[in-house]
Amino acid sequence: MAAAKSAKGKNEPLPPIIVKKVTVVEGGHHGGAWKVAYADFVTAMMAFFLLLWLLGATTEKQRKGLADYFTPTLVKLKEGSAGSNGMLGGSSITDADNYPNRAGQTGTKAMTIPRDTTGGPKEGAERVKKRETMEKALTAKLAANPRLSRLAKQVRLIDTTDGIRIDLVDDADFSMFQLGTTVLTPDATSLLDAIAELLGGEVGGISIRGHTDALPWTGGTGANNWSLSAGRAEATRQQLLRHGIAEARFRKIEGVADREPLIRDKPDDPRNRRISILLMR
């Protein structure tokens, strides 16, 4: 009976083999690229509607300010912009320039503003107004004295980042000091007296800097243009003191010899000899 069961098991059919195929579809029907394109479209539409809102919610002056903010700066200065144009011809960094600008825009000497700075257009306008006020006051003082009126061309008011600088410039016909000395000429003394009256009505510290031309020193006493420029700055301070400027207002007295020429291509030019009086902010 055992042999009969064994023979029957050999004749039974084998079980069928089942093969299962699995198909994997990546990213759904069309993948995920459409999401990126849709996000770009929504971003662009948001920016477009934001632009439309800005155009409708701002005034013409505000729109001009936004346009100026995104305008690239122009790093270029006019030749002679250091106050050499006419009597008291100072120039401010906020004054209108003659550079080419887009239609409807007023040119200014654009500059990059440091992040930690203070102030703005209002402060710049106040600085210009103050310089113009000082110019008018000094012009009136000089014009009232026939002796000083001819010296008005020697005076230049310039608006700087540190304050308003008054330059007293020599030329071929005028000198602040006697040749090779720290002795003020009579005209220079009268001119400094008028400037002292002007500064007496203003607030702020005062800095004085002396300049010489590049001619070599011929005094023969061991001195040089460095000591000469510093001595002339100190002589200027002494004259301002005698005319009522408080000693505590002076912050710095220095001489720079011929290292900061006004006429750079002509270091021997007499206009490089000057005294700079800075009324600090």
C-alpha atoms as a PDB file:
ATOM      1  CA  MET A   1       0.000   0.000   0.000  1.00  0.00           C
ATOM      2  CA  ALA A   2       2.914   2.335   0.718  1.00  0.00           C
ATOM      3  CA  ALA A   3       4.371   1.608  -2.739  1.00  0.00           C
ATOM      4  CA  ALA A   4       1.031   2.415  -4.416  1.00  0.00           C
ATOM      5  CA  LYS A   5       0.803   5.854  -2.708  1.00  0.00           C
ATOM      6  CA  SER A   6       4.327   6.732  -3.797  1.00  0.00           C
ATOM      7  CA  ALA A   7       3.578   5.891  -7.420  1.00  0.00           C
ATOM      8  CA  LYS A   8       0.439   8.024  -7.429  1.00  0.00           C
ATOM      9  CA  GLY A   9       2.253  11.124  -6.027  1.00  0.00           C
ATOM     10  CA  LYS A  10       4.687  11.044  -8.923  1.00  0.00           C
ATOM     11  CA  ASN A  11       1.891  11.376 -11.469  1.00  0.00           C
ATOM     12  CA  GLU A  12       0.265  14.534  -9.928  1.00  0.00           C
ATOM     13  CA  PRO A  13       0.690  17.867 -11.958  1.00  0.00           C
ATOM     14  CA  LEU A  14       3.009  20.599 -10.587  1.00  0.00           C
ATOM     15  CA  PRO A  15       1.451  23.812  -9.112  1.00  0.00           C
ATOM     16  CA  PRO A  16       1.340  26.780 -11.570  1.00  0.00           C
ATOM     17  CA  ILE A  17       4.064  29.551 -11.336  1.00  0.00           C
ATOM     18  CA  ILE A  18       2.555  33.051 -10.892  1.00  0.00           C
ATOM     19  CA  VAL A  19       4.647  36.104 -12.047  1.00  0.00           C
ATOM     20  CA  LYS A  20       3.572  39.506 -10.547  1.00  0.00           C
ATOM     21  CA  LYS A  21       4.572  42.677 -12.447  1.00  0.00           C
ATOM     22  CA  VAL A  22       4.611  46.027 -10.557  1.00  0.00           C
ATOM     23  CA  THR A  23       4.754  49.352 -12.540  1.00  0.00           C
ATOM     24  CA  VAL A  24       6.037  52.412 -10.598  1.00  0.00           C
ATOM     25  CA  VAL A  25       4.943  55.867 -11.887  1.00  0.00           C
ATOM     26  CA  GLU A  26       7.186  58.727 -10.585  1.00  0.00           C
ATOM     27  CA  GLY A  27       5.794  62.204  -9.785  1.00  0.00           C
ATOM     28  CA  GLY A  28       2.201  61.669 -10.682  1.00  0.00           C
ATOM     29  CA  HIS A  29       0.955  62.326 -14.191  1.00  0.00           C
ATOM     30  CA  HIS A  30       3.295  65.237 -15.172  1.00  0.00           C
ATOM     31  CA  GLY A  31       6.001  65.402 -12.501  1.00  0.00           C
ATOM     32  CA  GLY A  32       6.638  68.466 -10.168  1.00  0.00           C
ATOM     33  CA  ALA A  33       8.118  70.993 -12.651  1.00  0.00           C
ATOM     34  CA  TRP A  34       4.769  72.800 -13.036  1.00  0.00           C
ATOM     35  CA  LYS A  35       4.860  73.794  -9.375  1.00  0.00           C
ATOM     36  CA  VAL A  36       8.081  75.778  -9.861  1.00  0.00           C
ATOM     37  CA  ALA A  37       6.692  77.524 -12.928  1.00  0.00           C
ATOM     38  CA  TYR A  38       3.464  78.356 -11.115  1.00  0.00           C
ATOM     39  CA  ALA A  39       5.381  79.782  -8.138  1.00  0.00           C
ATOM     40  CA  ASP A  40       7.400  82.034 -10.487  1.00  0.00           C
ATOM     41  CA  PHE A  41       4.198  83.225 -12.130  1.00  0.00           C
ATOM     42  CA  VAL A  42       2.542  84.061  -8.793  1.00  0.00           C
ATOM     43  CA  THR A  43       5.675  85.936  -7.640  1.00  0.00           C
ATOM     44  CA  ALA A  44       5.774  87.975 -10.845  1.00  0.00           C
ATOM     45  CA  MET A  45       2.075  88.832 -10.518  1.00  0.00           C
ATOM     46  CA  MET A  46       2.550  89.895  -6.917  1.00  0.00           C
ATOM     47  CA  ALA A  47       5.416  92.197  -7.908  1.00  0.00           C
ATOM     48  CA  PHE A  48       3.336  93.624 -10.762  1.00  0.00           C
ATOM     49  CA  PHE A  49       0.352  94.420  -8.544  1.00  0.00           C
ATOM     50  CA  LEU A  50       2.689  95.882  -5.903  1.00  0.00           C
ATOM     51  CA  LEU A  51       4.088  98.208  -8.584  1.00  0.00           C
ATOM     52  CA  LEU A  52       0.570  99.248  -9.606  1.00  0.00           C
ATOM     53  CA  TRP A  53      -0.278  99.951  -5.979  1.00  0.00           C
ATOM     54  CA  LEU A  54       2.834 102.088  -5.507  1.00  0.00           C
ATOM     55  CA  LEU A  55       2.044 104.109  -8.615  1.00  0.00           C
ATOM     56  CA  GLY A  56      -1.467 104.767  -7.397  1.00  0.00           C
ATOM     57  CA  ALA A  57      -0.697 105.423  -3.732  1.00  0.00           C
ATOM     58  CA  THR A  58       2.276 107.823  -4.067  1.00  0.00           C
ATOM     59  CA  THR A  59       2.688 111.399  -5.211  1.00  0.00           C
ATOM     60  CA  GLU A  60       4.884 112.567  -8.066  1.00  0.00           C
ATOM     61  CA  LYS A  61       7.513 113.777  -5.590  1.00  0.00           C
ATOM     62  CA  GLN A  62       7.563 110.414  -3.810  1.00  0.00           C
ATOM     63  CA  ARG A  63       7.886 108.551  -7.110  1.00  0.00           C
ATOM     64  CA  LYS A  64      10.810 110.745  -8.070  1.00  0.00           C
ATOM     65  CA  GLY A  65      12.444 109.939  -4.728  1.00  0.00           C
ATOM     66  CA  LEU A  66      12.033 106.204  -5.372  1.00  0.00           C
ATOM     67  CA  ALA A  67      13.524 106.612  -8.853  1.00  0.00           C
ATOM     68  CA  ASP A  68      16.485 108.542  -7.463  1.00  0.00           C
ATOM     69  CA  TYR A  69      17.049 105.844  -4.837  1.00  0.00           C
ATOM     70  CA  PHE A  70      17.543 103.170  -7.505  1.00  0.00           C
ATOM     71  CA  THR A  71      19.565 105.410  -9.838  1.00  0.00           C
ATOM     72  CA  PRO A  72      23.278 104.440  -9.930  1.00  0.00           C
ATOM     73  CA  THR A  73      25.570 106.978  -8.290  1.00  0.00           C
ATOM     74  CA  LEU A  74      27.730 109.251 -10.419  1.00  0.00           C
ATOM     75  CA  VAL A  75      31.246 109.505  -8.989  1.00  0.00           C
ATOM     76  CA  LYS A  76      32.512 112.567 -10.803  1.00  0.00           C
ATOM     77  CA  LEU A  77      33.237 116.103  -9.615  1.00  0.00           C
ATOM     78  CA  LYS A  78      33.323 119.262 -11.683  1.00  0.00           C
ATOM     79  CA  GLU A  79      36.716 120.904 -12.127  1.00  0.00           C
ATOM     80  CA  GLY A  80      36.939 123.924  -9.903  1.00  0.00           C
ATOM     81  CA  SER A  81      34.069 122.853  -7.679  1.00  0.00           C
ATOM     82  CA  ALA A  82      36.091 123.668  -4.560  1.00  0.00           C
ATOM     83  CA  GLY A  83      34.737 127.197  -4.516  1.00  0.00           C
ATOM     84  CA  SER A  84      36.757 128.824  -7.288  1.00  0.00           C
ATOM     85  CA  ASN A  85      33.846 130.230  -9.274  1.00  0.00           C
ATOM     86  CA  GLY A  86      33.347 133.909  -8.539  1.00  0.00           C
ATOM     87  CA  MET A  87      33.172 135.803  -5.272  1.00  0.00           C
ATOM     88  CA  LEU A  88      32.459 133.521  -2.336  1.00  0.00           C
ATOM     89  CA  GLY A  89      31.765 130.823  -4.907  1.00  0.00           C
ATOM     90  CA  GLY A  90      31.491 127.848  -2.578  1.00  0.00           C
ATOM     91  CA  SER A  91      29.943 124.597  -3.720  1.00  0.00           C
ATOM     92  CA  SER A  92      27.937 122.105  -1.684  1.00  0.00           C
ATOM     93  CA  ILE A  93      27.651 118.367  -2.270  1.00  0.00           C
ATOM     94  CA  THR A  94      23.881 118.845  -2.440  1.00  0.00           C
ATOM     95  CA  ASP A  95      23.966 121.648  -5.030  1.00  0.00           C
ATOM     96  CA  ALA A  96      22.518 121.055  -8.478  1.00  0.00           C
ATOM     97  CA  ASP A  97      25.108 119.969 -11.038  1.00  0.00           C
ATOM     98  CA  ASN A  98      25.321 120.055 -14.816  1.00  0.00           C
ATOM     99  CA  TYR A  99      25.558 116.312 -15.393  1.00  0.00           C
ATOM    100  CA  PRO A 100      23.204 114.626 -17.899  1.00  0.00           C
ATOM    101  CA  ASN A 101      20.034 113.312 -16.262  1.00  0.00           C
ATOM    102  CA  ARG A 102      16.825 111.702 -17.409  1.00  0.00           C
ATOM    103  CA  ALA A 103      14.023 113.994 -18.502  1.00  0.00           C
ATOM    104  CA  GLY A 104      12.219 115.658 -15.632  1.00  0.00           C
ATOM    105  CA  GLN A 105      14.961 115.017 -13.088  1.00  0.00           C
ATOM    106  CA  THR A 106      17.088 117.591 -11.323  1.00  0.00           C
ATOM    107  CA  GLY A 107      20.722 116.604 -11.095  1.00  0.00           C
ATOM    108  CA  THR A 108      22.558 116.425  -7.806  1.00  0.00           C
ATOM    109  CA  LYS A 109      26.004 115.262  -6.848  1.00  0.00           C
ATOM    110  CA  ALA A 110      24.859 111.759  -5.896  1.00  0.00           C
ATOM    111  CA  MET A 111      26.987 109.883  -3.400  1.00  0.00           C
ATOM    112  CA  THR A 112      26.918 106.665  -1.409  1.00  0.00           C
ATOM    113  CA  ILE A 113      25.673 107.141   2.174  1.00  0.00           C
ATOM    114  CA  PRO A 114      27.268 104.955   4.901  1.00  0.00           C
ATOM    115  CA  ARG A 115      24.856 102.759   6.833  1.00  0.00           C
ATOM    116  CA  ASP A 116      25.618 104.366  10.193  1.00  0.00           C
ATOM    117  CA  THR A 117      25.239 107.961   9.024  1.00  0.00           C
ATOM    118  CA  THR A 118      22.476 110.341  10.113  1.00  0.00           C
ATOM    119  CA  GLY A 119      20.580 113.154   8.454  1.00  0.00           C
ATOM    120  CA  GLY A 120      18.941 113.340   5.050  1.00  0.00           C
ATOM    121  CA  PRO A 121      17.610 115.748   2.435  1.00  0.00           C
ATOM    122  CA  LYS A 122      16.217 118.088   5.096  1.00  0.00           C
ATOM    123  CA  GLU A 123      19.558 118.331   6.864  1.00  0.00           C
ATOM    124  CA  GLY A 124      21.338 118.879   3.548  1.00  0.00           C
ATOM    125  CA  ALA A 125      18.969 121.732   2.703  1.00  0.00           C
ATOM    126  CA  GLU A 126      19.595 123.295   6.117  1.00  0.00           C
ATOM    127  CA  ARG A 127      23.351 123.095   5.538  1.00  0.00           C
ATOM    128  CA  VAL A 128      23.029 124.828   2.175  1.00  0.00           C
ATOM    129  CA  LYS A 129      20.777 127.481   3.678  1.00  0.00           C
ATOM    130  CA  LYS A 130      23.245 128.138   6.492  1.00  0.00           C
ATOM    131  CA  ARG A 131      26.162 128.495   4.083  1.00  0.00           C
ATOM    132  CA  GLU A 132      24.166 130.881   1.911  1.00  0.00           C
ATOM    133  CA  THR A 133      23.200 132.925   4.976  1.00  0.00           C
ATOM    134  CA  MET A 134      26.836 133.181   6.054  1.00  0.00           C
ATOM    135  CA  GLU A 135      27.854 134.153   2.513  1.00  0.00           C
ATOM    136  CA  LYS A 136      25.340 136.978   2.420  1.00  0.00           C
ATOM    137  CA  ALA A 137      26.352 138.251   5.858  1.00  0.00           C
ATOM    138  CA  LEU A 138      30.055 138.211   5.015  1.00  0.00           C
ATOM    139  CA  THR A 139      29.481 139.791   1.612  1.00  0.00           C
ATOM    140  CA  ALA A 140      27.565 142.618   3.277  1.00  0.00           C
ATOM    141  CA  LYS A 141      30.371 143.168   5.809  1.00  0.00           C
ATOM    142  CA  LEU A 142      33.031 143.327   3.120  1.00  0.00           C
ATOM    143  CA  ALA A 143      30.964 145.511   0.794  1.00  0.00           C
ATOM    144  CA  ALA A 144      30.395 148.055   3.586  1.00  0.00           C
ATOM    145  CA  ASN A 145      34.149 148.716   3.776  1.00  0.00           C
ATOM    146  CA  PRO A 146      35.745 150.007   0.561  1.00  0.00           C
ATOM    147  CA  ARG A 147      39.100 148.690   1.710  1.00  0.00           C
ATOM    148  CA  LEU A 148      37.753 145.162   2.188  1.00  0.00           C
ATOM    149  CA  SER A 149      35.355 145.011  -0.749  1.00  0.00           C
ATOM    150  CA  ARG A 150      38.240 144.398  -3.151  1.00  0.00           C
ATOM    151  CA  LEU A 151      39.318 141.407  -1.012  1.00  0.00           C
ATOM    152  CA  ALA A 152      36.009 139.578  -1.381  1.00  0.00           C
ATOM    153  CA  LYS A 153      37.443 137.467  -4.219  1.00  0.00           C
ATOM    154  CA  GLN A 154      40.027 136.082  -1.790  1.00  0.00           C
ATOM    155  CA  VAL A 155      37.304 134.514   0.394  1.00  0.00           C
ATOM    156  CA  ARG A 156      35.583 131.229  -0.454  1.00  0.00           C
ATOM    157  CA  LEU A 157      32.905 129.485   1.584  1.00  0.00           C
ATOM    158  CA  ILE A 158      32.615 125.735   1.031  1.00  0.00           C
ATOM    159  CA  ASP A 159      30.146 123.254   2.534  1.00  0.00           C
ATOM    160  CA  THR A 160      31.963 120.093   3.674  1.00  0.00           C
ATOM    161  CA  THR A 161      30.954 116.988   5.595  1.00  0.00           C
ATOM    162  CA  ASP A 162      32.660 118.396   8.717  1.00  0.00           C
ATOM    163  CA  GLY A 163      31.226 121.895   8.533  1.00  0.00           C
ATOM    164  CA  ILE A 164      31.451 125.167   6.630  1.00  0.00           C
ATOM    165  CA  ARG A 165      35.001 125.991   5.599  1.00  0.00           C
ATOM    166  CA  ILE A 166      36.198 129.545   4.939  1.00  0.00           C
ATOM    167  CA  ASP A 167      39.271 129.655   2.696  1.00  0.00           C
ATOM    168  CA  LEU A 168      41.383 132.834   2.628  1.00  0.00           C
ATOM    169  CA  VAL A 169      43.430 132.454  -0.541  1.00  0.00           C
ATOM    170  CA  ASP A 170      46.532 134.346  -1.675  1.00  0.00           C
ATOM    171  CA  ASP A 171      47.166 135.320  -5.274  1.00  0.00           C
ATOM    172  CA  ALA A 172      49.683 137.358  -7.248  1.00  0.00           C
ATOM    173  CA  ASP A 173      48.214 140.635  -5.911  1.00  0.00           C
ATOM    174  CA  PHE A 174      47.393 139.707  -2.321  1.00  0.00           C
ATOM    175  CA  SER A 175      49.107 137.889   0.512  1.00  0.00           C
ATOM    176  CA  MET A 176      47.783 137.067   3.965  1.00  0.00           C
ATOM    177  CA  PHE A 177      51.272 137.179   5.492  1.00  0.00           C
ATOM    178  CA  GLN A 178      54.482 139.016   4.894  1.00  0.00           C
ATOM    179  CA  LEU A 179      56.813 136.957   2.709  1.00  0.00           C
ATOM    180  CA  GLY A 180      58.354 134.012   4.570  1.00  0.00           C
ATOM    181  CA  THR A 181      56.923 135.047   7.958  1.00  0.00           C
ATOM    182  CA  THR A 182      53.914 134.514  10.223  1.00  0.00           C
ATOM    183  CA  VAL A 183      53.191 138.248  10.394  1.00  0.00           C
ATOM    184  CA  LEU A 184      49.744 139.186   9.097  1.00  0.00           C
ATOM    185  CA  THR A 185      49.468 141.991   6.559  1.00  0.00           C
ATOM    186  CA  PRO A 186      47.183 144.942   7.462  1.00  0.00           C
ATOM    187  CA  ASP A 187      44.585 143.854   4.878  1.00  0.00           C
ATOM    188  CA  ALA A 188      44.604 140.305   6.224  1.00  0.00           C
ATOM    189  CA  THR A 189      44.123 141.604   9.775  1.00  0.00           C
ATOM    190  CA  SER A 190      41.063 143.603   8.723  1.00  0.00           C
ATOM    191  CA  LEU A 191      39.730 140.604   6.806  1.00  0.00           C
ATOM    192  CA  LEU A 192      40.102 138.310   9.834  1.00  0.00           C
ATOM    193  CA  ASP A 193      38.337 140.870  12.016  1.00  0.00           C
ATOM    194  CA  ALA A 194      35.320 140.742   9.695  1.00  0.00           C
ATOM    195  CA  ILE A 195      35.379 136.940   9.747  1.00  0.00           C
ATOM    196  CA  ALA A 196      35.635 136.952  13.565  1.00  0.00           C
ATOM    197  CA  GLU A 197      32.441 139.041  13.728  1.00  0.00           C
ATOM    198  CA  LEU A 198      30.753 136.491  11.483  1.00  0.00           C
ATOM    199  CA  LEU A 199      31.918 133.493  13.534  1.00  0.00           C
ATOM    200  CA  GLY A 200      30.981 135.227  16.775  1.00  0.00           C
ATOM    201  CA  GLY A 201      27.317 134.952  15.812  1.00  0.00           C
ATOM    202  CA  GLU A 202      27.569 131.225  15.018  1.00  0.00           C
ATOM    203  CA  VAL A 203      27.886 128.170  17.252  1.00  0.00           C
ATOM    204  CA  GLY A 204      30.310 125.285  16.888  1.00  0.00           C
ATOM    205  CA  GLY A 205      33.991 124.536  17.267  1.00  0.00           C
ATOM    206  CA  ILE A 206      36.645 126.075  15.053  1.00  0.00           C
ATOM    207  CA  SER A 207      39.557 124.382  13.308  1.00  0.00           C
ATOM    208  CA  ILE A 208      42.334 126.289  11.494  1.00  0.00           C
ATOM    209  CA  ARG A 209      44.693 124.833   8.887  1.00  0.00           C
ATOM    210  CA  GLY A 210      47.626 126.573   7.234  1.00  0.00           C
ATOM    211  CA  HIS A 211      48.820 125.849   3.682  1.00  0.00           C
ATOM    212  CA  THR A 212      51.904 126.940   1.742  1.00  0.00           C
ATOM    213  CA  ASP A 213      52.979 126.621  -1.859  1.00  0.00           C
ATOM    214  CA  ALA A 214      55.744 124.235  -2.927  1.00  0.00           C
ATOM    215  CA  LEU A 215      58.511 126.835  -3.196  1.00  0.00           C
ATOM    216  CA  PRO A 216      61.503 125.742  -1.080  1.00  0.00           C
ATOM    217  CA  TRP A 217      62.137 127.515   2.208  1.00  0.00           C
ATOM    218  CA  THR A 218      64.812 130.203   1.919  1.00  0.00           C
ATOM    219  CA  GLY A 219      64.693 131.666   5.400  1.00  0.00           C
ATOM    220  CA  GLY A 220      68.010 130.107   6.427  1.00  0.00           C
ATOM    221  CA  THR A 221      66.933 129.671  10.063  1.00  0.00           C
ATOM    222  CA  GLY A 222      66.327 125.929  10.066  1.00  0.00           C
ATOM    223  CA  ALA A 223      62.585 126.386   9.579  1.00  0.00           C
ATOM    224  CA  ASN A 224      60.584 124.886   6.726  1.00  0.00           C
ATOM    225  CA  ASN A 225      57.156 124.996   5.096  1.00  0.00           C
ATOM    226  CA  TRP A 226      55.739 122.712   7.796  1.00  0.00           C
ATOM    227  CA  SER A 227      56.582 125.083  10.642  1.00  0.00           C
ATOM    228  CA  LEU A 228      55.628 128.090   8.484  1.00  0.00           C
ATOM    229  CA  SER A 229      52.139 126.735   7.742  1.00  0.00           C
ATOM    230  CA  ALA A 230      51.573 125.784  11.393  1.00  0.00           C
ATOM    231  CA  GLY A 231      52.830 129.168  12.574  1.00  0.00           C
ATOM    232  CA  ARG A 232      50.486 130.985  10.206  1.00  0.00           C
ATOM    233  CA  ALA A 233      47.544 128.929  11.474  1.00  0.00           C
ATOM    234  CA  GLU A 234      48.461 129.886  15.041  1.00  0.00           C
ATOM    235  CA  ALA A 235      48.791 133.570  14.067  1.00  0.00           C
ATOM    236  CA  THR A 236      45.294 133.379  12.611  1.00  0.00           C
ATOM    237  CA  ARG A 237      43.980 131.889  15.859  1.00  0.00           C
ATOM    238  CA  GLN A 238      45.620 134.677  17.871  1.00  0.00           C
ATOM    239  CA  GLN A 239      43.946 137.340  15.705  1.00  0.00           C
ATOM    240  CA  LEU A 240      40.526 135.688  16.090  1.00  0.00           C
ATOM    241  CA  LEU A 241      41.086 135.537  19.849  1.00  0.00           C
ATOM    242  CA  ARG A 242      41.880 139.257  19.954  1.00  0.00           C
ATOM    243  CA  HIS A 243      38.617 139.968  18.163  1.00  0.00           C
ATOM    244  CA  GLY A 244      36.405 138.128  20.644  1.00  0.00           C
ATOM    245  CA  ILE A 245      36.342 134.435  19.655  1.00  0.00           C
ATOM    246  CA  ALA A 246      36.387 132.355  22.848  1.00  0.00           C
ATOM    247  CA  GLU A 247      39.505 130.255  23.358  1.00  0.00           C
ATOM    248  CA  ALA A 248      37.416 127.174  24.217  1.00  0.00           C
ATOM    249  CA  ARG A 249      35.920 127.072  20.709  1.00  0.00           C
ATOM    250  CA  PHE A 250      39.215 126.145  19.025  1.00  0.00           C
ATOM    251  CA  ARG A 251      39.487 122.406  18.406  1.00  0.00           C
ATOM    252  CA  LYS A 252      42.502 121.997  16.116  1.00  0.00           C
ATOM    253  CA  ILE A 253      45.377 124.139  14.820  1.00  0.00           C
ATOM    254  CA  GLU A 254      47.581 122.516  12.197  1.00  0.00           C
ATOM    255  CA  GLY A 255      49.896 123.143   9.277  1.00  0.00           C
ATOM    256  CA  VAL A 256      50.103 120.855   6.243  1.00  0.00           C
ATOM    257  CA  ALA A 257      52.799 122.719   4.258  1.00  0.00           C
ATOM    258  CA  ASP A 258      52.323 122.095   0.511  1.00  0.00           C
ATOM    259  CA  ARG A 259      50.724 118.635   0.831  1.00  0.00           C
ATOM    260  CA  GLU A 260      47.176 119.744  -0.010  1.00  0.00           C
ATOM    261  CA  PRO A 261      47.540 122.144  -2.957  1.00  0.00           C
ATOM    262  CA  LEU A 262      44.493 123.998  -4.253  1.00  0.00           C
ATOM    263  CA  ILE A 263      46.006 124.084  -7.769  1.00  0.00           C
ATOM    264  CA  ARG A 264      47.282 120.526  -8.051  1.00  0.00           C
ATOM    265  CA  ASP A 265      48.977 120.829 -11.428  1.00  0.00           C
ATOM    266  CA  LYS A 266      50.829 124.004 -10.328  1.00  0.00           C
ATOM    267  CA  PRO A 267      52.256 123.402  -6.844  1.00  0.00           C
ATOM    268  CA  ASP A 268      54.181 126.710  -6.952  1.00  0.00           C
ATOM    269  CA  ASP A 269      51.044 128.753  -7.688  1.00  0.00           C
ATOM    270  CA  PRO A 270      50.530 131.489  -5.047  1.00  0.00           C
ATOM    271  CA  ARG A 271      46.868 130.435  -4.682  1.00  0.00           C
ATOM    272  CA  ASN A 272      48.118 127.328  -2.888  1.00  0.00           C
ATOM    273  CA  ARG A 273      49.041 129.637   0.017  1.00  0.00           C
ATOM    274  CA  ARG A 274      45.897 129.903   2.101  1.00  0.00           C
ATOM    275  CA  ILE A 275      44.330 129.696   5.531  1.00  0.00           C
ATOM    276  CA  SER A 276      41.316 127.406   6.032  1.00  0.00           C
ATOM    277  CA  ILE A 277      38.961 128.181   8.920  1.00  0.00           C
ATOM    278  CA  LEU A 278      36.439 125.405   9.538  1.00  0.00           C
ATOM    279  CA  LEU A 279      33.240 126.093  11.480  1.00  0.00           C
ATOM    280  CA  MET A 280      32.422 122.600  12.754  1.00  0.00           C
ATOM    281  CA  ARG A 281      28.900 121.207  12.930  1.00  0.00           C
END
